[in-house]
N, C-alpha and C. Protein backbone atom coordinates (compact mmCIF):
# COMPACT_ATOMS: atom_id res chain seq x y z
N MET A 1 -52.43 -117.68 -126.87
CA MET A 1 -52.17 -116.29 -127.18
C MET A 1 -53.12 -115.41 -126.38
N GLY A 2 -52.61 -114.31 -125.81
CA GLY A 2 -53.42 -113.44 -124.97
C GLY A 2 -54.33 -112.54 -125.77
N ARG A 3 -55.29 -111.97 -125.09
CA ARG A 3 -56.22 -111.05 -125.73
C ARG A 3 -55.58 -109.68 -125.86
N ALA A 4 -56.00 -108.95 -126.85
CA ALA A 4 -55.50 -107.59 -127.07
C ALA A 4 -56.10 -106.67 -126.01
N ILE A 5 -55.30 -105.74 -125.54
CA ILE A 5 -55.76 -104.77 -124.55
C ILE A 5 -56.70 -103.79 -125.25
N PRO A 6 -57.91 -103.59 -124.72
CA PRO A 6 -58.83 -102.65 -125.38
C PRO A 6 -58.38 -101.20 -125.17
N LEU A 7 -58.74 -100.36 -126.12
CA LEU A 7 -58.43 -98.93 -126.02
C LEU A 7 -59.46 -98.24 -125.13
N ARG A 8 -59.10 -97.08 -124.62
CA ARG A 8 -60.01 -96.29 -123.78
C ARG A 8 -61.29 -95.99 -124.55
N THR A 9 -62.35 -95.81 -123.81
CA THR A 9 -63.65 -95.59 -124.47
C THR A 9 -63.99 -94.11 -124.58
N ASP A 10 -63.20 -93.22 -124.01
CA ASP A 10 -63.52 -91.79 -124.07
C ASP A 10 -63.01 -91.12 -125.35
N TYR A 11 -62.39 -91.85 -126.24
CA TYR A 11 -61.94 -91.34 -127.53
C TYR A 11 -62.51 -92.22 -128.63
N CYS A 12 -62.56 -91.68 -129.85
CA CYS A 12 -62.95 -92.45 -131.02
C CYS A 12 -61.95 -92.15 -132.14
N ALA A 13 -62.10 -92.81 -133.27
CA ALA A 13 -61.16 -92.65 -134.38
C ALA A 13 -61.11 -91.21 -134.88
N SER A 14 -62.27 -90.57 -134.99
CA SER A 14 -62.27 -89.19 -135.49
C SER A 14 -61.60 -88.24 -134.50
N ASP A 15 -61.73 -88.50 -133.19
CA ASP A 15 -61.03 -87.69 -132.18
C ASP A 15 -59.52 -87.78 -132.35
N LEU A 16 -59.04 -89.01 -132.55
CA LEU A 16 -57.60 -89.21 -132.71
C LEU A 16 -57.09 -88.60 -134.00
N ARG A 17 -57.86 -88.68 -135.06
CA ARG A 17 -57.44 -88.06 -136.32
C ARG A 17 -57.39 -86.54 -136.19
N ALA A 18 -58.34 -85.96 -135.47
CA ALA A 18 -58.33 -84.51 -135.24
C ALA A 18 -57.12 -84.11 -134.39
N LEU A 19 -56.82 -84.90 -133.38
CA LEU A 19 -55.63 -84.63 -132.55
C LEU A 19 -54.36 -84.77 -133.38
N ALA A 20 -54.33 -85.73 -134.29
CA ALA A 20 -53.16 -85.92 -135.15
C ALA A 20 -52.95 -84.72 -136.07
N ARG A 21 -54.06 -84.13 -136.56
CA ARG A 21 -53.93 -82.93 -137.40
C ARG A 21 -53.38 -81.74 -136.62
N GLN A 22 -53.71 -81.64 -135.35
CA GLN A 22 -53.28 -80.52 -134.52
C GLN A 22 -51.87 -80.71 -133.95
N SER A 23 -51.40 -81.92 -133.92
CA SER A 23 -50.11 -82.22 -133.29
C SER A 23 -48.95 -81.68 -134.12
N VAL A 24 -47.93 -81.17 -133.43
CA VAL A 24 -46.72 -80.70 -134.10
C VAL A 24 -45.61 -81.74 -134.00
N ASP A 25 -45.85 -82.80 -133.27
CA ASP A 25 -44.87 -83.87 -133.09
C ASP A 25 -45.19 -84.99 -134.08
N ALA A 26 -44.28 -85.24 -135.01
CA ALA A 26 -44.53 -86.24 -136.05
C ALA A 26 -44.70 -87.64 -135.46
N ASN A 27 -43.94 -87.96 -134.43
CA ASN A 27 -44.06 -89.29 -133.82
C ASN A 27 -45.43 -89.47 -133.16
N GLN A 28 -45.89 -88.44 -132.47
CA GLN A 28 -47.22 -88.53 -131.84
C GLN A 28 -48.29 -88.66 -132.91
N THR A 29 -48.16 -87.94 -134.00
CA THR A 29 -49.13 -88.02 -135.10
C THR A 29 -49.20 -89.44 -135.65
N ARG A 30 -48.05 -90.03 -135.89
CA ARG A 30 -47.99 -91.40 -136.42
C ARG A 30 -48.66 -92.37 -135.45
N ARG A 31 -48.41 -92.21 -134.18
CA ARG A 31 -48.98 -93.11 -133.17
C ARG A 31 -50.49 -92.93 -133.07
N LEU A 32 -50.95 -91.67 -133.12
CA LEU A 32 -52.39 -91.41 -133.06
C LEU A 32 -53.12 -92.02 -134.25
N LEU A 33 -52.51 -91.90 -135.44
CA LEU A 33 -53.15 -92.45 -136.64
C LEU A 33 -53.19 -93.98 -136.59
N ALA A 34 -52.16 -94.59 -136.03
CA ALA A 34 -52.16 -96.05 -135.90
C ALA A 34 -53.25 -96.49 -134.94
N LEU A 35 -53.42 -95.77 -133.84
CA LEU A 35 -54.47 -96.14 -132.87
C LEU A 35 -55.86 -95.85 -133.43
N ALA A 36 -55.97 -94.82 -134.29
CA ALA A 36 -57.25 -94.54 -134.92
C ALA A 36 -57.69 -95.72 -135.79
N GLN A 37 -56.75 -96.38 -136.41
CA GLN A 37 -57.07 -97.56 -137.22
C GLN A 37 -57.66 -98.67 -136.35
N ILE A 38 -57.15 -98.81 -135.13
CA ILE A 38 -57.69 -99.83 -134.23
C ILE A 38 -59.13 -99.49 -133.86
N TYR A 39 -59.39 -98.19 -133.60
CA TYR A 39 -60.76 -97.77 -133.29
C TYR A 39 -61.70 -98.06 -134.45
N GLU A 40 -61.19 -97.99 -135.68
CA GLU A 40 -62.04 -98.24 -136.85
C GLU A 40 -62.23 -99.73 -137.13
N GLY A 41 -61.56 -100.58 -136.36
CA GLY A 41 -61.77 -102.01 -136.51
C GLY A 41 -60.66 -102.76 -137.22
N SER A 42 -59.59 -102.09 -137.60
CA SER A 42 -58.48 -102.79 -138.25
C SER A 42 -57.77 -103.68 -137.24
N SER A 43 -57.04 -104.63 -137.76
CA SER A 43 -56.30 -105.54 -136.88
C SER A 43 -55.09 -104.80 -136.29
N ARG A 44 -54.57 -105.34 -135.22
CA ARG A 44 -53.39 -104.74 -134.59
C ARG A 44 -52.18 -104.84 -135.54
N THR A 45 -52.12 -105.89 -136.32
CA THR A 45 -51.02 -106.05 -137.28
C THR A 45 -51.08 -104.95 -138.33
N GLU A 46 -52.30 -104.67 -138.82
CA GLU A 46 -52.47 -103.61 -139.82
C GLU A 46 -52.14 -102.24 -139.22
N ALA A 47 -52.57 -102.00 -137.99
CA ALA A 47 -52.28 -100.73 -137.31
C ALA A 47 -50.77 -100.58 -137.08
N ALA A 48 -50.10 -101.67 -136.74
CA ALA A 48 -48.65 -101.63 -136.54
C ALA A 48 -47.95 -101.31 -137.86
N ARG A 49 -48.44 -101.87 -138.97
CA ARG A 49 -47.86 -101.58 -140.28
C ARG A 49 -48.03 -100.10 -140.62
N ILE A 50 -49.19 -99.54 -140.33
CA ILE A 50 -49.44 -98.12 -140.60
C ILE A 50 -48.52 -97.25 -139.74
N GLY A 51 -48.30 -97.67 -138.50
CA GLY A 51 -47.41 -96.93 -137.61
C GLY A 51 -45.95 -97.15 -137.89
N GLY A 52 -45.63 -98.15 -138.74
CA GLY A 52 -44.24 -98.43 -139.09
C GLY A 52 -43.47 -99.12 -137.99
N VAL A 53 -44.17 -99.91 -137.16
CA VAL A 53 -43.53 -100.59 -136.04
C VAL A 53 -44.04 -102.02 -135.96
N GLY A 54 -43.53 -102.75 -134.99
CA GLY A 54 -44.00 -104.10 -134.74
C GLY A 54 -45.20 -104.08 -133.82
N VAL A 55 -45.82 -105.25 -133.68
CA VAL A 55 -47.03 -105.36 -132.87
C VAL A 55 -46.72 -105.10 -131.39
N GLN A 56 -45.53 -105.50 -130.92
CA GLN A 56 -45.18 -105.29 -129.52
C GLN A 56 -45.09 -103.79 -129.19
N ILE A 57 -44.50 -103.02 -130.09
CA ILE A 57 -44.40 -101.57 -129.86
C ILE A 57 -45.79 -100.95 -129.90
N LEU A 58 -46.63 -101.39 -130.81
CA LEU A 58 -48.01 -100.90 -130.85
C LEU A 58 -48.71 -101.22 -129.52
N HIS A 59 -48.45 -102.40 -128.98
CA HIS A 59 -49.00 -102.78 -127.68
C HIS A 59 -48.56 -101.79 -126.60
N ASP A 60 -47.29 -101.39 -126.63
CA ASP A 60 -46.78 -100.40 -125.67
C ASP A 60 -47.48 -99.06 -125.86
N TRP A 61 -47.75 -98.67 -127.10
CA TRP A 61 -48.45 -97.41 -127.37
C TRP A 61 -49.85 -97.45 -126.78
N VAL A 62 -50.53 -98.59 -126.92
CA VAL A 62 -51.88 -98.73 -126.38
C VAL A 62 -51.86 -98.56 -124.87
N ILE A 63 -50.89 -99.17 -124.22
CA ILE A 63 -50.79 -99.05 -122.76
C ILE A 63 -50.54 -97.60 -122.35
N LYS A 64 -49.61 -96.93 -123.04
CA LYS A 64 -49.32 -95.52 -122.71
C LYS A 64 -50.53 -94.63 -122.98
N PHE A 65 -51.23 -94.90 -124.09
CA PHE A 65 -52.41 -94.11 -124.43
C PHE A 65 -53.52 -94.32 -123.40
N ASN A 66 -53.70 -95.55 -122.96
CA ASN A 66 -54.73 -95.83 -121.96
C ASN A 66 -54.41 -95.17 -120.62
N GLU A 67 -53.14 -95.07 -120.28
CA GLU A 67 -52.75 -94.49 -118.99
C GLU A 67 -52.82 -92.97 -119.00
N ARG A 68 -52.27 -92.33 -120.06
CA ARG A 68 -52.12 -90.87 -120.03
C ARG A 68 -52.80 -90.15 -121.19
N GLY A 69 -53.51 -90.86 -122.01
CA GLY A 69 -54.19 -90.22 -123.13
C GLY A 69 -53.21 -89.87 -124.24
N PRO A 70 -53.55 -88.90 -125.09
CA PRO A 70 -52.69 -88.54 -126.22
C PRO A 70 -51.29 -88.06 -125.78
N ASP A 71 -51.19 -87.46 -124.59
CA ASP A 71 -49.87 -87.02 -124.12
C ASP A 71 -48.95 -88.19 -123.83
N GLY A 72 -49.51 -89.37 -123.59
CA GLY A 72 -48.69 -90.55 -123.37
C GLY A 72 -47.97 -91.00 -124.63
N LEU A 73 -48.38 -90.48 -125.78
CA LEU A 73 -47.75 -90.86 -127.05
C LEU A 73 -46.63 -89.91 -127.45
N LEU A 74 -46.35 -88.92 -126.63
CA LEU A 74 -45.23 -88.02 -126.89
C LEU A 74 -43.93 -88.66 -126.42
N ASN A 75 -42.85 -88.36 -127.11
CA ASN A 75 -41.54 -88.82 -126.64
C ASN A 75 -41.17 -88.02 -125.41
N GLY A 76 -40.87 -88.70 -124.33
CA GLY A 76 -40.47 -88.02 -123.11
C GLY A 76 -38.95 -87.93 -123.04
N LYS A 77 -38.50 -86.98 -122.27
CA LYS A 77 -37.06 -86.83 -122.08
C LYS A 77 -36.63 -87.76 -120.96
N ALA A 78 -35.54 -88.45 -121.17
CA ALA A 78 -35.02 -89.34 -120.13
C ALA A 78 -34.62 -88.50 -118.92
N PRO A 79 -34.89 -88.99 -117.72
CA PRO A 79 -34.61 -88.18 -116.53
C PRO A 79 -33.12 -87.94 -116.29
N GLY A 80 -32.28 -88.85 -116.74
CA GLY A 80 -30.84 -88.67 -116.54
C GLY A 80 -30.43 -88.95 -115.11
N LYS A 81 -29.15 -88.77 -114.86
CA LYS A 81 -28.61 -89.03 -113.53
C LYS A 81 -28.99 -87.89 -112.60
N PRO A 82 -29.46 -88.19 -111.39
CA PRO A 82 -29.82 -87.11 -110.47
C PRO A 82 -28.57 -86.35 -110.01
N SER A 83 -28.79 -85.10 -109.64
CA SER A 83 -27.69 -84.26 -109.20
C SER A 83 -27.09 -84.78 -107.89
N LEU A 84 -25.79 -84.63 -107.74
CA LEU A 84 -25.13 -85.05 -106.51
C LEU A 84 -25.38 -84.06 -105.38
N LEU A 85 -25.65 -82.80 -105.73
CA LEU A 85 -25.87 -81.78 -104.72
C LEU A 85 -27.37 -81.57 -104.51
N ASN A 86 -27.77 -81.50 -103.25
CA ASN A 86 -29.16 -81.18 -102.96
C ASN A 86 -29.27 -79.71 -102.60
N ASP A 87 -30.44 -79.26 -102.20
CA ASP A 87 -30.65 -77.84 -101.90
C ASP A 87 -29.79 -77.37 -100.73
N LYS A 88 -29.60 -78.23 -99.75
CA LYS A 88 -28.76 -77.87 -98.60
C LYS A 88 -27.32 -77.63 -99.04
N HIS A 89 -26.81 -78.50 -99.92
CA HIS A 89 -25.44 -78.34 -100.43
C HIS A 89 -25.30 -77.07 -101.26
N ARG A 90 -26.31 -76.81 -102.11
CA ARG A 90 -26.26 -75.62 -102.96
C ARG A 90 -26.29 -74.34 -102.13
N ALA A 91 -27.11 -74.34 -101.08
CA ALA A 91 -27.18 -73.15 -100.21
C ALA A 91 -25.85 -72.92 -99.52
N ALA A 92 -25.22 -73.98 -99.03
CA ALA A 92 -23.91 -73.83 -98.38
C ALA A 92 -22.86 -73.39 -99.38
N LEU A 93 -22.92 -73.91 -100.59
CA LEU A 93 -21.97 -73.51 -101.63
C LEU A 93 -22.15 -72.04 -101.98
N ALA A 94 -23.40 -71.60 -102.09
CA ALA A 94 -23.67 -70.19 -102.39
C ALA A 94 -23.14 -69.30 -101.26
N ARG A 95 -23.33 -69.72 -100.01
CA ARG A 95 -22.83 -68.92 -98.88
C ARG A 95 -21.32 -68.77 -98.92
N ILE A 96 -20.62 -69.86 -99.17
CA ILE A 96 -19.15 -69.80 -99.15
C ILE A 96 -18.62 -69.02 -100.35
N VAL A 97 -19.30 -69.11 -101.48
CA VAL A 97 -18.87 -68.34 -102.66
C VAL A 97 -19.09 -66.85 -102.40
N GLU A 98 -20.24 -66.50 -101.84
CA GLU A 98 -20.54 -65.09 -101.55
C GLU A 98 -19.57 -64.53 -100.51
N LYS A 99 -19.27 -65.32 -99.51
CA LYS A 99 -18.38 -64.87 -98.43
C LYS A 99 -16.94 -64.75 -98.91
N GLY A 100 -16.55 -65.65 -99.80
CA GLY A 100 -15.17 -65.64 -100.28
C GLY A 100 -14.25 -66.38 -99.32
N PRO A 101 -13.06 -66.73 -99.78
CA PRO A 101 -12.16 -67.48 -98.92
C PRO A 101 -11.49 -66.59 -97.87
N THR A 102 -11.15 -67.19 -96.76
CA THR A 102 -10.34 -66.53 -95.74
C THR A 102 -8.92 -67.03 -95.97
N PRO A 103 -7.99 -66.15 -96.40
CA PRO A 103 -6.67 -66.62 -96.82
C PRO A 103 -5.92 -67.48 -95.80
N TYR A 104 -5.95 -67.09 -94.53
CA TYR A 104 -5.19 -67.86 -93.55
C TYR A 104 -5.87 -69.20 -93.24
N LEU A 105 -7.18 -69.28 -93.44
CA LEU A 105 -7.91 -70.49 -93.14
C LEU A 105 -7.98 -71.44 -94.34
N HIS A 106 -8.30 -70.89 -95.51
CA HIS A 106 -8.49 -71.71 -96.70
C HIS A 106 -7.23 -71.82 -97.57
N ILE A 107 -6.20 -71.08 -97.26
CA ILE A 107 -4.91 -71.09 -97.97
C ILE A 107 -5.04 -70.62 -99.42
N VAL A 108 -6.10 -69.95 -99.77
CA VAL A 108 -6.26 -69.40 -101.11
C VAL A 108 -6.80 -67.98 -100.98
N VAL A 109 -6.56 -67.17 -102.01
CA VAL A 109 -7.07 -65.80 -102.00
C VAL A 109 -8.30 -65.64 -102.88
N ARG A 110 -8.57 -66.62 -103.73
CA ARG A 110 -9.79 -66.65 -104.53
C ARG A 110 -10.18 -68.10 -104.73
N TRP A 111 -11.48 -68.33 -104.88
CA TRP A 111 -11.95 -69.70 -105.05
C TRP A 111 -11.69 -70.19 -106.47
N ARG A 112 -11.16 -71.37 -106.55
CA ARG A 112 -11.09 -72.10 -107.82
C ARG A 112 -12.09 -73.24 -107.71
N LEU A 113 -12.48 -73.79 -108.83
CA LEU A 113 -13.44 -74.89 -108.80
C LEU A 113 -12.91 -76.08 -108.02
N SER A 114 -11.62 -76.35 -108.16
CA SER A 114 -11.05 -77.48 -107.43
C SER A 114 -11.05 -77.22 -105.93
N ASP A 115 -10.87 -75.95 -105.51
CA ASP A 115 -10.94 -75.61 -104.09
C ASP A 115 -12.35 -75.86 -103.56
N LEU A 116 -13.35 -75.48 -104.33
CA LEU A 116 -14.73 -75.67 -103.90
C LEU A 116 -15.09 -77.16 -103.87
N ALA A 117 -14.56 -77.94 -104.82
CA ALA A 117 -14.80 -79.38 -104.81
C ALA A 117 -14.18 -80.01 -103.56
N THR A 118 -12.99 -79.55 -103.21
CA THR A 118 -12.32 -80.04 -102.00
C THR A 118 -13.13 -79.64 -100.76
N TRP A 119 -13.63 -78.41 -100.74
CA TRP A 119 -14.43 -77.95 -99.61
C TRP A 119 -15.70 -78.79 -99.46
N LEU A 120 -16.37 -79.12 -100.59
CA LEU A 120 -17.56 -79.95 -100.53
C LEU A 120 -17.25 -81.34 -99.97
N PHE A 121 -16.07 -81.86 -100.31
CA PHE A 121 -15.68 -83.17 -99.79
C PHE A 121 -15.42 -83.10 -98.29
N GLU A 122 -14.69 -82.06 -97.87
CA GLU A 122 -14.38 -81.92 -96.44
C GLU A 122 -15.62 -81.63 -95.61
N GLU A 123 -16.53 -80.83 -96.16
CA GLU A 123 -17.70 -80.41 -95.41
C GLU A 123 -18.81 -81.46 -95.40
N PHE A 124 -19.08 -82.08 -96.56
CA PHE A 124 -20.22 -82.98 -96.68
C PHE A 124 -19.84 -84.41 -97.09
N GLY A 125 -18.59 -84.65 -97.38
CA GLY A 125 -18.18 -85.97 -97.83
C GLY A 125 -18.60 -86.27 -99.26
N LEU A 126 -18.90 -85.21 -100.04
CA LEU A 126 -19.31 -85.38 -101.43
C LEU A 126 -18.09 -85.37 -102.33
N LYS A 127 -17.94 -86.39 -103.11
CA LYS A 127 -16.83 -86.46 -104.05
C LYS A 127 -17.34 -86.00 -105.41
N VAL A 128 -17.08 -84.74 -105.76
CA VAL A 128 -17.54 -84.18 -107.03
C VAL A 128 -16.35 -83.63 -107.79
N SER A 129 -16.46 -83.64 -109.10
CA SER A 129 -15.40 -83.09 -109.93
C SER A 129 -15.55 -81.58 -110.01
N HIS A 130 -14.48 -80.92 -110.46
CA HIS A 130 -14.59 -79.47 -110.61
C HIS A 130 -15.55 -79.11 -111.74
N ASP A 131 -15.75 -80.02 -112.71
CA ASP A 131 -16.75 -79.80 -113.76
C ASP A 131 -18.16 -79.73 -113.17
N THR A 132 -18.44 -80.63 -112.23
CA THR A 132 -19.74 -80.65 -111.57
C THR A 132 -19.96 -79.37 -110.78
N VAL A 133 -18.93 -78.92 -110.07
CA VAL A 133 -19.04 -77.68 -109.29
C VAL A 133 -19.29 -76.51 -110.24
N GLY A 134 -18.58 -76.46 -111.35
CA GLY A 134 -18.77 -75.39 -112.32
C GLY A 134 -20.17 -75.39 -112.89
N ARG A 135 -20.70 -76.57 -113.20
CA ARG A 135 -22.05 -76.69 -113.75
C ARG A 135 -23.08 -76.22 -112.72
N GLU A 136 -22.89 -76.60 -111.46
CA GLU A 136 -23.82 -76.17 -110.41
C GLU A 136 -23.76 -74.66 -110.21
N LEU A 137 -22.55 -74.09 -110.23
CA LEU A 137 -22.42 -72.64 -110.05
C LEU A 137 -23.06 -71.88 -111.20
N ARG A 138 -22.91 -72.38 -112.44
CA ARG A 138 -23.56 -71.74 -113.58
C ARG A 138 -25.07 -71.83 -113.45
N ALA A 139 -25.57 -72.97 -112.96
CA ALA A 139 -27.01 -73.12 -112.77
C ALA A 139 -27.53 -72.17 -111.70
N MET A 140 -26.67 -71.82 -110.73
CA MET A 140 -27.06 -70.88 -109.68
C MET A 140 -26.78 -69.43 -110.09
N ARG A 141 -26.44 -69.23 -111.37
CA ARG A 141 -26.20 -67.90 -111.95
C ARG A 141 -24.93 -67.22 -111.46
N TYR A 142 -23.94 -68.00 -111.09
CA TYR A 142 -22.64 -67.42 -110.77
C TYR A 142 -21.78 -67.48 -112.03
N GLY A 143 -21.14 -66.36 -112.35
CA GLY A 143 -20.29 -66.31 -113.53
C GLY A 143 -18.83 -66.34 -113.14
N LYS A 144 -18.01 -66.67 -114.09
CA LYS A 144 -16.58 -66.70 -113.85
C LYS A 144 -16.05 -65.28 -113.97
N LEU A 145 -15.40 -64.82 -112.93
CA LEU A 145 -14.82 -63.49 -112.93
C LEU A 145 -13.31 -63.63 -113.05
N SER A 146 -12.74 -62.78 -113.86
CA SER A 146 -11.28 -62.77 -113.96
C SER A 146 -10.82 -61.32 -114.06
N THR A 147 -9.63 -61.07 -113.57
CA THR A 147 -9.11 -59.70 -113.60
C THR A 147 -8.61 -59.38 -114.99
N ARG A 148 -8.61 -58.11 -115.29
CA ARG A 148 -8.09 -57.68 -116.58
C ARG A 148 -6.57 -57.75 -116.52
N PRO A 149 -5.94 -58.36 -117.51
CA PRO A 149 -4.49 -58.48 -117.45
C PRO A 149 -3.81 -57.11 -117.48
N ARG A 150 -2.73 -57.02 -116.74
CA ARG A 150 -2.00 -55.76 -116.65
C ARG A 150 -0.52 -56.07 -116.83
N SER A 151 0.15 -55.26 -117.59
CA SER A 151 1.57 -55.46 -117.81
C SER A 151 2.35 -55.20 -116.52
N VAL A 152 3.36 -56.01 -116.27
CA VAL A 152 4.18 -55.82 -115.07
C VAL A 152 5.00 -54.55 -115.19
N ARG A 153 5.22 -54.06 -116.41
CA ARG A 153 6.01 -52.85 -116.62
C ARG A 153 5.14 -51.59 -116.66
N GLN A 154 3.87 -51.74 -116.39
CA GLN A 154 2.97 -50.60 -116.47
C GLN A 154 3.30 -49.61 -115.35
N ASP A 155 3.42 -48.35 -115.73
CA ASP A 155 3.76 -47.28 -114.78
C ASP A 155 2.50 -46.46 -114.52
N PRO A 156 1.98 -46.49 -113.28
CA PRO A 156 0.75 -45.73 -113.00
C PRO A 156 0.90 -44.24 -113.26
N GLY A 157 2.06 -43.68 -113.05
CA GLY A 157 2.28 -42.26 -113.30
C GLY A 157 2.12 -41.90 -114.76
N ARG A 158 2.68 -42.71 -115.63
CA ARG A 158 2.55 -42.46 -117.07
C ARG A 158 1.11 -42.62 -117.52
N LEU A 159 0.40 -43.53 -116.91
CA LEU A 159 -0.99 -43.77 -117.26
C LEU A 159 -1.84 -42.54 -116.92
N ASP A 160 -1.62 -41.96 -115.74
CA ASP A 160 -2.35 -40.75 -115.35
C ASP A 160 -1.99 -39.58 -116.26
N ALA A 161 -0.71 -39.47 -116.63
CA ALA A 161 -0.29 -38.39 -117.52
C ALA A 161 -0.97 -38.53 -118.88
N PHE A 162 -1.11 -39.76 -119.36
CA PHE A 162 -1.77 -40.00 -120.64
C PHE A 162 -3.24 -39.59 -120.57
N LYS A 163 -3.92 -39.93 -119.47
CA LYS A 163 -5.33 -39.58 -119.32
C LYS A 163 -5.52 -38.06 -119.27
N GLU A 164 -4.60 -37.35 -118.60
CA GLU A 164 -4.72 -35.90 -118.49
C GLU A 164 -4.46 -35.21 -119.82
N ALA A 165 -3.65 -35.79 -120.67
CA ALA A 165 -3.29 -35.18 -121.94
C ALA A 165 -4.44 -35.23 -122.95
N LEU A 166 -5.41 -36.11 -122.75
CA LEU A 166 -6.51 -36.22 -123.69
C LEU A 166 -7.44 -35.02 -123.54
N PRO A 167 -7.92 -34.47 -124.66
CA PRO A 167 -8.86 -33.34 -124.57
C PRO A 167 -10.21 -33.84 -124.09
N PRO A 168 -10.98 -32.99 -123.45
CA PRO A 168 -12.33 -33.39 -123.05
C PRO A 168 -13.15 -33.77 -124.27
N VAL A 169 -14.14 -34.60 -124.07
CA VAL A 169 -14.95 -35.12 -125.18
C VAL A 169 -15.66 -33.99 -125.90
N SER A 170 -16.16 -32.99 -125.19
CA SER A 170 -16.92 -31.92 -125.83
C SER A 170 -16.08 -31.11 -126.81
N ARG A 171 -14.75 -31.00 -126.59
CA ARG A 171 -13.90 -30.26 -127.52
C ARG A 171 -13.67 -31.04 -128.81
N ARG A 172 -13.78 -32.36 -128.73
CA ARG A 172 -13.54 -33.19 -129.92
C ARG A 172 -14.78 -33.32 -130.79
N LEU A 173 -15.97 -32.99 -130.26
CA LEU A 173 -17.19 -33.14 -131.04
C LEU A 173 -17.30 -32.04 -132.09
N PRO A 174 -17.79 -32.35 -133.27
CA PRO A 174 -18.06 -31.31 -134.27
C PRO A 174 -19.15 -30.38 -133.74
N SER A 175 -19.19 -29.16 -134.26
CA SER A 175 -20.14 -28.16 -133.76
C SER A 175 -21.60 -28.59 -133.95
N THR A 176 -21.87 -29.36 -135.00
CA THR A 176 -23.25 -29.80 -135.23
C THR A 176 -23.70 -30.76 -134.15
N LEU A 177 -22.77 -31.58 -133.63
CA LEU A 177 -23.13 -32.52 -132.58
C LEU A 177 -23.17 -31.87 -131.22
N LYS A 178 -22.42 -30.76 -131.02
CA LYS A 178 -22.44 -30.07 -129.72
C LYS A 178 -23.83 -29.56 -129.40
N SER A 179 -24.52 -29.01 -130.40
CA SER A 179 -25.86 -28.48 -130.16
C SER A 179 -26.86 -29.61 -129.90
N ALA A 180 -26.66 -30.74 -130.55
CA ALA A 180 -27.56 -31.89 -130.34
C ALA A 180 -27.35 -32.52 -128.98
N ALA A 181 -26.11 -32.45 -128.45
CA ALA A 181 -25.79 -33.06 -127.16
C ALA A 181 -26.37 -32.26 -126.01
N LYS A 182 -26.69 -30.99 -126.24
CA LYS A 182 -27.19 -30.14 -125.14
C LYS A 182 -28.62 -30.29 -124.93
């Protein structure tokens, strides 16, 4: 059976207990208190019981604590899958979105996500879904723009006549508000 890995010498049990009191992360607090038991001379089995884990997991905590200190006992976020687009791709995508499509060249009058995904494939050989393109555009602070719907039977002449028939705002205000508005 191998020897237990010793803990760092720059901390003591009281240091870890003080850090545990200040910590807002319950998991880090539990891990710090378990390691404090080891500093006080308890067995690794007893420290693992206090931490609510097995000896192997406690061993992993000791390694992380020795490498990075108390911050090594925080739960880290998994890195996830790296983005398919790099900065060069994003810059080119931003340029083409800002410029807009050329109807005779791109065969569209406005960009759709699928059009941009196709453009990325043709330009860079990147096979991305329209969901990925949408996520990248949102990350680059581009919003979805859509036109306001308009009835096909809408008559511009009647619309102008309606606007002209409305009284000016100042005539509709009560007299008490007219003096306040000035």
